[in-house]
Amino acid sequence: MHVIIDISGLAEEQLRKAFGPDLDEAARDALLINGYRNGRLSLGFLAEVLGLPTRLEVQEWLAARNVPLNYDVDELEADRAAVRERFHVEI
């Protein structure tokens, strides 16, 4: 898929200064990050698009860009219950 953004030359110059020479990659990353932050895209989807083999690598990719994980208290409690059940420990 290709997306074309029509901007003036001056704006392009400013964007390259702000985001680096590869505006295609910068635009893709911004779209993926925004979609993840808004809960519209999953870690699995990001892994597929980015060509990363694991969700852990996606988490590292997000962390490198200062993007916190979408992880709420209900998910924490579910993970804690799974650990208790599997390993018979209280956490």
PDB file of N, CA and C in Angstrom:
ATOM      1  N   MET A   1       0.848  -1.174   0.000  1.00  0.00           N
ATOM      2  CA  MET A   1       0.000   0.000   0.000  1.00  0.00           C
ATOM      3  C   MET A   1       0.891   1.235   0.000  1.00  0.00           C
ATOM      4  N   HIS A   2       0.458   2.221  -0.717  1.00  0.00           N
ATOM      5  CA  HIS A   2       1.175   3.488  -0.758  1.00  0.00           C
ATOM      6  C   HIS A   2       0.205   4.599  -0.384  1.00  0.00           C
ATOM      7  N   VAL A   3       0.669   5.509   0.428  1.00  0.00           N
ATOM      8  CA  VAL A   3      -0.103   6.675   0.829  1.00  0.00           C
ATOM      9  C   VAL A   3       0.683   7.895   0.389  1.00  0.00           C
ATOM     10  N   ILE A   4       0.015   8.825  -0.236  1.00  0.00           N
ATOM     11  CA  ILE A   4       0.669  10.047  -0.707  1.00  0.00           C
ATOM     12  C   ILE A   4       0.128  11.215   0.098  1.00  0.00           C
ATOM     13  N   ILE A   5       1.039  12.011   0.627  1.00  0.00           N
ATOM     14  CA  ILE A   5       0.667  13.215   1.373  1.00  0.00           C
ATOM     15  C   ILE A   5       1.219  14.396   0.595  1.00  0.00           C
ATOM     16  N   ASP A   6       0.354  15.281   0.195  1.00  0.00           N
ATOM     17  CA  ASP A   6       0.760  16.442  -0.600  1.00  0.00           C
ATOM     18  C   ASP A   6       1.056  17.605   0.337  1.00  0.00           C
ATOM     19  N   ILE A   7       2.340  17.971   0.428  1.00  0.00           N
ATOM     20  CA  ILE A   7       2.755  19.099   1.259  1.00  0.00           C
ATOM     21  C   ILE A   7       3.724  19.970   0.472  1.00  0.00           C
ATOM     22  N   SER A   8       3.871  21.179   0.914  1.00  0.00           N
ATOM     23  CA  SER A   8       4.780  22.094   0.219  1.00  0.00           C
ATOM     24  C   SER A   8       6.233  21.704   0.485  1.00  0.00           C
ATOM     25  N   GLY A   9       7.109  22.193  -0.344  1.00  0.00           N
ATOM     26  CA  GLY A   9       8.532  21.928  -0.182  1.00  0.00           C
ATOM     27  C   GLY A   9       9.087  22.422   1.139  1.00  0.00           C
ATOM     28  N   LEU A  10       8.624  23.587   1.585  1.00  0.00           N
ATOM     29  CA  LEU A  10       9.084  24.136   2.856  1.00  0.00           C
ATOM     30  C   LEU A  10       8.630  23.242   4.015  1.00  0.00           C
ATOM     31  N   ALA A  11       7.382  22.785   3.949  1.00  0.00           N
ATOM     32  CA  ALA A  11       6.869  21.892   4.993  1.00  0.00           C
ATOM     33  C   ALA A  11       7.645  20.579   4.990  1.00  0.00           C
ATOM     34  N   GLU A  12       7.957  20.066   3.812  1.00  0.00           N
ATOM     35  CA  GLU A  12       8.724  18.824   3.719  1.00  0.00           C
ATOM     36  C   GLU A  12      10.096  18.999   4.371  1.00  0.00           C
ATOM     37  N   GLU A  13      10.721  20.116   4.112  1.00  0.00           N
ATOM     38  CA  GLU A  13      12.034  20.394   4.700  1.00  0.00           C
ATOM     39  C   GLU A  13      11.940  20.402   6.226  1.00  0.00           C
ATOM     40  N   GLN A  14      10.926  21.059   6.763  1.00  0.00           N
ATOM     41  CA  GLN A  14      10.736  21.112   8.217  1.00  0.00           C
ATOM     42  C   GLN A  14      10.458  19.722   8.782  1.00  0.00           C
ATOM     43  N   LEU A  15       9.648  18.940   8.083  1.00  0.00           N
ATOM     44  CA  LEU A  15       9.344  17.580   8.543  1.00  0.00           C
ATOM     45  C   LEU A  15      10.594  16.706   8.542  1.00  0.00           C
ATOM     46  N   ARG A  16      11.428  16.851   7.538  1.00  0.00           N
ATOM     47  CA  ARG A  16      12.676  16.072   7.492  1.00  0.00           C
ATOM     48  C   ARG A  16      13.617  16.471   8.631  1.00  0.00           C
ATOM     49  N   LYS A  17      13.631  17.749   8.964  1.00  0.00           N
ATOM     50  CA  LYS A  17      14.435  18.194  10.106  1.00  0.00           C
ATOM     51  C   LYS A  17      13.902  17.602  11.405  1.00  0.00           C
ATOM     52  N   ALA A  18      12.593  17.541  11.520  1.00  0.00           N
ATOM     53  CA  ALA A  18      11.964  17.054  12.746  1.00  0.00           C
ATOM     54  C   ALA A  18      12.000  15.533  12.879  1.00  0.00           C
ATOM     55  N   PHE A  19      11.833  14.807  11.752  1.00  0.00           N
ATOM     56  CA  PHE A  19      11.653  13.354  11.812  1.00  0.00           C
ATOM     57  C   PHE A  19      12.718  12.551  11.081  1.00  0.00           C
ATOM     58  N   GLY A  20      13.654  13.230  10.447  1.00  0.00           N
ATOM     59  CA  GLY A  20      14.689  12.517   9.718  1.00  0.00           C
ATOM     60  C   GLY A  20      14.362  12.414   8.243  1.00  0.00           C
ATOM     61  N   PRO A  21      15.302  11.863   7.473  1.00  0.00           N
ATOM     62  CA  PRO A  21      15.149  11.865   6.017  1.00  0.00           C
ATOM     63  C   PRO A  21      14.076  10.910   5.486  1.00  0.00           C
ATOM     64  N   ASP A  22      13.749   9.849   6.230  1.00  0.00           N
ATOM     65  CA  ASP A  22      12.795   8.855   5.735  1.00  0.00           C
ATOM     66  C   ASP A  22      11.377   9.182   6.229  1.00  0.00           C
ATOM     67  N   LEU A  23      10.703  10.056   5.505  1.00  0.00           N
ATOM     68  CA  LEU A  23       9.355  10.457   5.910  1.00  0.00           C
ATOM     69  C   LEU A  23       8.345   9.337   5.729  1.00  0.00           C
ATOM     70  N   ASP A  24       8.589   8.417   4.800  1.00  0.00           N
ATOM     71  CA  ASP A  24       7.693   7.267   4.651  1.00  0.00           C
ATOM     72  C   ASP A  24       7.659   6.453   5.939  1.00  0.00           C
ATOM     73  N   GLU A  25       8.840   6.160   6.471  1.00  0.00           N
ATOM     74  CA  GLU A  25       8.928   5.389   7.715  1.00  0.00           C
ATOM     75  C   GLU A  25       8.346   6.185   8.880  1.00  0.00           C
ATOM     76  N   ALA A  26       8.638   7.469   8.937  1.00  0.00           N
ATOM     77  CA  ALA A  26       8.118   8.306  10.022  1.00  0.00           C
ATOM     78  C   ALA A  26       6.596   8.351   9.998  1.00  0.00           C
ATOM     79  N   ALA A  27       6.004   8.459   8.810  1.00  0.00           N
ATOM     80  CA  ALA A  27       4.545   8.492   8.694  1.00  0.00           C
ATOM     81  C   ALA A  27       3.945   7.150   9.091  1.00  0.00           C
ATOM     82  N   ARG A  28       4.561   6.046   8.639  1.00  0.00           N
ATOM     83  CA  ARG A  28       4.080   4.713   9.009  1.00  0.00           C
ATOM     84  C   ARG A  28       4.136   4.532  10.519  1.00  0.00           C
ATOM     85  N   ASP A  29       5.272   4.882  11.122  1.00  0.00           N
ATOM     86  CA  ASP A  29       5.425   4.731  12.559  1.00  0.00           C
ATOM     87  C   ASP A  29       4.388   5.549  13.321  1.00  0.00           C
ATOM     88  N   ALA A  30       4.173   6.786  12.883  1.00  0.00           N
ATOM     89  CA  ALA A  30       3.192   7.651  13.551  1.00  0.00           C
ATOM     90  C   ALA A  30       1.794   7.062  13.463  1.00  0.00           C
ATOM     91  N   LEU A  31       1.440   6.519  12.318  1.00  0.00           N
ATOM     92  CA  LEU A  31       0.130   5.901  12.135  1.00  0.00           C
ATOM     93  C   LEU A  31      -0.020   4.678  13.040  1.00  0.00           C
ATOM     94  N   LEU A  32       0.999   3.837  13.097  1.00  0.00           N
ATOM     95  CA  LEU A  32       0.947   2.644  13.946  1.00  0.00           C
ATOM     96  C   LEU A  32       0.885   3.020  15.419  1.00  0.00           C
ATOM     97  N   ILE A  33       1.704   3.972  15.826  1.00  0.00           N
ATOM     98  CA  ILE A  33       1.714   4.394  17.230  1.00  0.00           C
ATOM     99  C   ILE A  33       0.373   4.997  17.623  1.00  0.00           C
ATOM    100  N   ASN A  34      -0.160   5.864  16.789  1.00  0.00           N
ATOM    101  CA  ASN A  34      -1.452   6.477  17.088  1.00  0.00           C
ATOM    102  C   ASN A  34      -2.552   5.416  17.183  1.00  0.00           C
ATOM    103  N   GLY A  35      -2.547   4.482  16.253  1.00  0.00           N
ATOM    104  CA  GLY A  35      -3.547   3.416  16.281  1.00  0.00           C
ATOM    105  C   GLY A  35      -3.433   2.551  17.518  1.00  0.00           C
ATOM    106  N   TYR A  36      -2.217   2.258  17.948  1.00  0.00           N
ATOM    107  CA  TYR A  36      -2.011   1.461  19.161  1.00  0.00           C
ATOM    108  C   TYR A  36      -2.445   2.246  20.396  1.00  0.00           C
ATOM    109  N   ARG A  37      -2.028   3.508  20.494  1.00  0.00           N
ATOM    110  CA  ARG A  37      -2.397   4.335  21.652  1.00  0.00           C
ATOM    111  C   ARG A  37      -3.910   4.454  21.805  1.00  0.00           C
ATOM    112  N   ASN A  38      -4.616   4.525  20.687  1.00  0.00           N
ATOM    113  CA  ASN A  38      -6.069   4.664  20.721  1.00  0.00           C
ATOM    114  C   ASN A  38      -6.792   3.331  20.859  1.00  0.00           C
ATOM    115  N   GLY A  39      -6.047   2.245  20.955  1.00  0.00           N
ATOM    116  CA  GLY A  39      -6.650   0.930  21.132  1.00  0.00           C
ATOM    117  C   GLY A  39      -7.237   0.348  19.862  1.00  0.00           C
ATOM    118  N   ARG A  40      -6.911   0.916  18.724  1.00  0.00           N
ATOM    119  CA  ARG A  40      -7.451   0.427  17.448  1.00  0.00           C
ATOM    120  C   ARG A  40      -6.565  -0.644  16.819  1.00  0.00           C
ATOM    121  N   LEU A  41      -5.290  -0.690  17.219  1.00  0.00           N
ATOM    122  CA  LEU A  41      -4.361  -1.670  16.674  1.00  0.00           C
ATOM    123  C   LEU A  41      -3.735  -2.467  17.821  1.00  0.00           C
ATOM    124  N   SER A  42      -3.571  -3.756  17.616  1.00  0.00           N
ATOM    125  CA  SER A  42      -3.020  -4.636  18.645  1.00  0.00           C
ATOM    126  C   SER A  42      -1.512  -4.808  18.476  1.00  0.00           C
ATOM    127  N   LEU A  43      -0.890  -5.359  19.506  1.00  0.00           N
ATOM    128  CA  LEU A  43       0.528  -5.683  19.417  1.00  0.00           C
ATOM    129  C   LEU A  43       0.777  -6.678  18.296  1.00  0.00           C
ATOM    130  N   GLY A  44      -0.119  -7.643  18.150  1.00  0.00           N
ATOM    131  CA  GLY A  44       0.021  -8.636  17.091  1.00  0.00           C
ATOM    132  C   GLY A  44      -0.024  -8.011  15.712  1.00  0.00           C
ATOM    133  N   PHE A  45      -0.910  -7.073  15.532  1.00  0.00           N
ATOM    134  CA  PHE A  45      -0.992  -6.383  14.241  1.00  0.00           C
ATOM    135  C   PHE A  45       0.280  -5.585  13.978  1.00  0.00           C
ATOM    136  N   LEU A  46       0.758  -4.868  14.994  1.00  0.00           N
ATOM    137  CA  LEU A  46       1.994  -4.111  14.824  1.00  0.00           C
ATOM    138  C   LEU A  46       3.149  -5.037  14.465  1.00  0.00           C
ATOM    139  N   ALA A  47       3.218  -6.195  15.122  1.00  0.00           N
ATOM    140  CA  ALA A  47       4.281  -7.161  14.822  1.00  0.00           C
ATOM    141  C   ALA A  47       4.242  -7.557  13.352  1.00  0.00           C
ATOM    142  N   GLU A  48       3.040  -7.816  12.856  1.00  0.00           N
ATOM    143  CA  GLU A  48       2.889  -8.217  11.451  1.00  0.00           C
ATOM    144  C   GLU A  48       3.354  -7.111  10.506  1.00  0.00           C
ATOM    145  N   VAL A  49       2.880  -5.899  10.738  1.00  0.00           N
ATOM    146  CA  VAL A  49       3.214  -4.778   9.850  1.00  0.00           C
ATOM    147  C   VAL A  49       4.709  -4.453   9.907  1.00  0.00           C
ATOM    148  N   LEU A  50       5.283  -4.507  11.107  1.00  0.00           N
ATOM    149  CA  LEU A  50       6.693  -4.162  11.278  1.00  0.00           C
ATOM    150  C   LEU A  50       7.634  -5.313  10.914  1.00  0.00           C
ATOM    151  N   GLY A  51       7.068  -6.492  10.719  1.00  0.00           N
ATOM    152  CA  GLY A  51       7.898  -7.649  10.394  1.00  0.00           C
ATOM    153  C   GLY A  51       8.700  -8.151  11.585  1.00  0.00           C
ATOM    154  N   LEU A  52       8.154  -7.954  12.783  1.00  0.00           N
ATOM    155  CA  LEU A  52       8.817  -8.419  13.998  1.00  0.00           C
ATOM    156  C   LEU A  52       8.219  -9.764  14.415  1.00  0.00           C
ATOM    157  N   PRO A  53       9.066 -10.724  14.813  1.00  0.00           N
ATOM    158  CA  PRO A  53       8.569 -12.068  15.072  1.00  0.00           C
ATOM    159  C   PRO A  53       7.797 -12.253  16.370  1.00  0.00           C
ATOM    160  N   THR A  54       7.982 -11.373  17.355  1.00  0.00           N
ATOM    161  CA  THR A  54       7.301 -11.567  18.642  1.00  0.00           C
ATOM    162  C   THR A  54       6.687 -10.268  19.148  1.00  0.00           C
ATOM    163  N   ARG A  55       5.729 -10.428  20.028  1.00  0.00           N
ATOM    164  CA  ARG A  55       5.117  -9.252  20.651  1.00  0.00           C
ATOM    165  C   ARG A  55       6.114  -8.546  21.571  1.00  0.00           C
ATOM    166  N   LEU A  56       7.015  -9.320  22.164  1.00  0.00           N
ATOM    167  CA  LEU A  56       8.040  -8.711  23.011  1.00  0.00           C
ATOM    168  C   LEU A  56       8.875  -7.723  22.213  1.00  0.00           C
ATOM    169  N   GLU A  57       9.213  -8.068  20.982  1.00  0.00           N
ATOM    170  CA  GLU A  57       9.974  -7.143  20.148  1.00  0.00           C
ATOM    171  C   GLU A  57       9.159  -5.903  19.797  1.00  0.00           C
ATOM    172  N   VAL A  58       7.849  -6.062  19.653  1.00  0.00           N
ATOM    173  CA  VAL A  58       6.981  -4.901  19.417  1.00  0.00           C
ATOM    174  C   VAL A  58       6.971  -4.022  20.662  1.00  0.00           C
ATOM    175  N   GLN A  59       6.906  -4.639  21.837  1.00  0.00           N
ATOM    176  CA  GLN A  59       6.942  -3.871  23.078  1.00  0.00           C
ATOM    177  C   GLN A  59       8.245  -3.082  23.171  1.00  0.00           C
ATOM    178  N   GLU A  60       9.348  -3.689  22.766  1.00  0.00           N
ATOM    179  CA  GLU A  60      10.633  -2.991  22.761  1.00  0.00           C
ATOM    180  C   GLU A  60      10.620  -1.854  21.744  1.00  0.00           C
ATOM    181  N   TRP A  61      10.017  -2.093  20.573  1.00  0.00           N
ATOM    182  CA  TRP A  61       9.897  -1.056  19.543  1.00  0.00           C
ATOM    183  C   TRP A  61       9.104   0.130  20.088  1.00  0.00           C
ATOM    184  N   LEU A  62       7.996  -0.164  20.770  1.00  0.00           N
ATOM    185  CA  LEU A  62       7.183   0.900  21.357  1.00  0.00           C
ATOM    186  C   LEU A  62       7.954   1.633  22.458  1.00  0.00           C
ATOM    187  N   ALA A  63       8.636   0.889  23.307  1.00  0.00           N
ATOM    188  CA  ALA A  63       9.393   1.503  24.407  1.00  0.00           C
ATOM    189  C   ALA A  63      10.471   2.437  23.873  1.00  0.00           C
ATOM    190  N   ALA A  64      11.108   2.060  22.777  1.00  0.00           N
ATOM    191  CA  ALA A  64      12.142   2.906  22.182  1.00  0.00           C
ATOM    192  C   ALA A  64      11.562   4.226  21.691  1.00  0.00           C
ATOM    193  N   ARG A  65      10.249   4.249  21.499  1.00  0.00           N
ATOM    194  CA  ARG A  65       9.570   5.459  21.032  1.00  0.00           C
ATOM    195  C   ARG A  65       8.736   6.101  22.147  1.00  0.00           C
ATOM    196  N   ASN A  66       9.022   5.682  23.390  1.00  0.00           N
ATOM    197  CA  ASN A  66       8.348   6.222  24.589  1.00  0.00           C
ATOM    198  C   ASN A  66       6.842   6.049  24.556  1.00  0.00           C
ATOM    199  N   VAL A  67       6.384   4.920  24.032  1.00  0.00           N
ATOM    200  CA  VAL A  67       4.954   4.620  23.979  1.00  0.00           C
ATOM    201  C   VAL A  67       4.653   3.584  25.055  1.00  0.00           C
ATOM    202  N   PRO A  68       3.813   3.935  26.050  1.00  0.00           N
ATOM    203  CA  PRO A  68       3.476   2.958  27.087  1.00  0.00           C
ATOM    204  C   PRO A  68       2.551   1.869  26.549  1.00  0.00           C
ATOM    205  N   LEU A  69       2.624   0.712  27.188  1.00  0.00           N
ATOM    206  CA  LEU A  69       1.753  -0.392  26.791  1.00  0.00           C
ATOM    207  C   LEU A  69       0.312  -0.100  27.199  1.00  0.00           C
ATOM    208  N   ASN A  70      -0.607  -0.567  26.382  1.00  0.00           N
ATOM    209  CA  ASN A  70      -2.025  -0.540  26.739  1.00  0.00           C
ATOM    210  C   ASN A  70      -2.272  -1.752  27.637  1.00  0.00           C
ATOM    211  N   TYR A  71      -2.202  -1.540  28.929  1.00  0.00           N
ATOM    212  CA  TYR A  71      -2.282  -2.628  29.898  1.00  0.00           C
ATOM    213  C   TYR A  71      -3.021  -2.095  31.101  1.00  0.00           C
ATOM    214  N   ASP A  72      -4.232  -2.592  31.326  1.00  0.00           N
ATOM    215  CA  ASP A  72      -5.030  -2.038  32.412  1.00  0.00           C
ATOM    216  C   ASP A  72      -5.068  -2.977  33.616  1.00  0.00           C
ATOM    217  N   VAL A  73      -5.747  -2.555  34.654  1.00  0.00           N
ATOM    218  CA  VAL A  73      -5.803  -3.307  35.904  1.00  0.00           C
ATOM    219  C   VAL A  73      -6.450  -4.674  35.690  1.00  0.00           C
ATOM    220  N   ASP A  74      -7.474  -4.755  34.862  1.00  0.00           N
ATOM    221  CA  ASP A  74      -8.119  -6.049  34.598  1.00  0.00           C
ATOM    222  C   ASP A  74      -7.138  -7.036  33.968  1.00  0.00           C
ATOM    223  N   GLU A  75      -6.312  -6.559  33.057  1.00  0.00           N
ATOM    224  CA  GLU A  75      -5.309  -7.431  32.435  1.00  0.00           C
ATOM    225  C   GLU A  75      -4.256  -7.860  33.455  1.00  0.00           C
ATOM    226  N   LEU A  76      -3.865  -6.944  34.341  1.00  0.00           N
ATOM    227  CA  LEU A  76      -2.922  -7.277  35.396  1.00  0.00           C
ATOM    228  C   LEU A  76      -3.491  -8.370  36.293  1.00  0.00           C
ATOM    229  N   GLU A  77      -4.725  -8.208  36.696  1.00  0.00           N
ATOM    230  CA  GLU A  77      -5.348  -9.206  37.569  1.00  0.00           C
ATOM    231  C   GLU A  77      -5.479 -10.562  36.867  1.00  0.00           C
ATOM    232  N   ALA A  78      -5.799 -10.546  35.592  1.00  0.00           N
ATOM    233  CA  ALA A  78      -5.880 -11.802  34.833  1.00  0.00           C
ATOM    234  C   ALA A  78      -4.509 -12.470  34.752  1.00  0.00           C
ATOM    235  N   ASP A  79      -3.467 -11.688  34.537  1.00  0.00           N
ATOM    236  CA  ASP A  79      -2.113 -12.244  34.498  1.00  0.00           C
ATOM    237  C   ASP A  79      -1.710 -12.792  35.859  1.00  0.00           C
ATOM    238  N   ARG A  80      -2.041 -12.088  36.909  1.00  0.00           N
ATOM    239  CA  ARG A  80      -1.727 -12.566  38.258  1.00  0.00           C
ATOM    240  C   ARG A  80      -2.441 -13.874  38.541  1.00  0.00           C
ATOM    241  N   ALA A  81      -3.698 -13.982  38.153  1.00  0.00           N
ATOM    242  CA  ALA A  81      -4.461 -15.224  38.359  1.00  0.00           C
ATOM    243  C   ALA A  81      -3.844 -16.379  37.576  1.00  0.00           C
ATOM    244  N   ALA A  82      -3.402 -16.086  36.359  1.00  0.00           N
ATOM    245  CA  ALA A  82      -2.784 -17.132  35.540  1.00  0.00           C
ATOM    246  C   ALA A  82      -1.488 -17.628  36.173  1.00  0.00           C
ATOM    247  N   VAL A  83      -0.691 -16.716  36.729  1.00  0.00           N
ATOM    248  CA  VAL A  83       0.556 -17.110  37.394  1.00  0.00           C
ATOM    249  C   VAL A  83       0.246 -17.936  38.635  1.00  0.00           C
ATOM    250  N   ARG A  84      -0.730 -17.497  39.423  1.00  0.00           N
ATOM    251  CA  ARG A  84      -1.108 -18.249  40.631  1.00  0.00           C
ATOM    252  C   ARG A  84      -1.548 -19.669  40.270  1.00  0.00           C
ATOM    253  N   GLU A  85      -2.358 -19.770  39.233  1.00  0.00           N
ATOM    254  CA  GLU A  85      -2.882 -21.081  38.825  1.00  0.00           C
ATOM    255  C   GLU A  85      -1.772 -21.981  38.285  1.00  0.00           C
ATOM    256  N   ARG A  86      -0.940 -21.429  37.447  1.00  0.00           N
ATOM    257  CA  ARG A  86       0.099 -22.251  36.807  1.00  0.00           C
ATOM    258  C   ARG A  86       1.217 -22.649  37.766  1.00  0.00           C
ATOM    259  N   PHE A  87       1.652 -21.708  38.612  1.00  0.00           N
ATOM    260  CA  PHE A  87       2.817 -21.958  39.447  1.00  0.00           C
ATOM    261  C   PHE A  87       2.466 -22.158  40.920  1.00  0.00           C
ATOM    262  N   HIS A  88       1.184 -22.060  41.250  1.00  0.00           N
ATOM    263  CA  HIS A  88       0.725 -22.267  42.625  1.00  0.00           C
ATOM    264  C   HIS A  88       1.461 -21.370  43.616  1.00  0.00           C
ATOM    265  N   VAL A  89       1.576 -20.098  43.237  1.00  0.00           N
ATOM    266  CA  VAL A  89       2.211 -19.118  44.109  1.00  0.00           C
ATOM    267  C   VAL A  89       1.260 -17.924  44.247  1.00  0.00           C
ATOM    268  N   GLU A  90       1.418 -17.217  45.327  1.00  0.00           N
ATOM    269  CA  GLU A  90       0.620 -16.017  45.561  1.00  0.00           C
ATOM    270  C   GLU A  90       1.452 -14.804  45.211  1.00  0.00           C
ATOM    271  N   ILE A  91       0.925 -13.962  44.328  1.00  0.00           N
ATOM    272  CA  ILE A  91       1.640 -12.737  43.980  1.00  0.00           C
ATOM    273  C   ILE A  91       0.746 -11.545  44.201  1.00  0.00           C
TER     274      ILE A  91
END
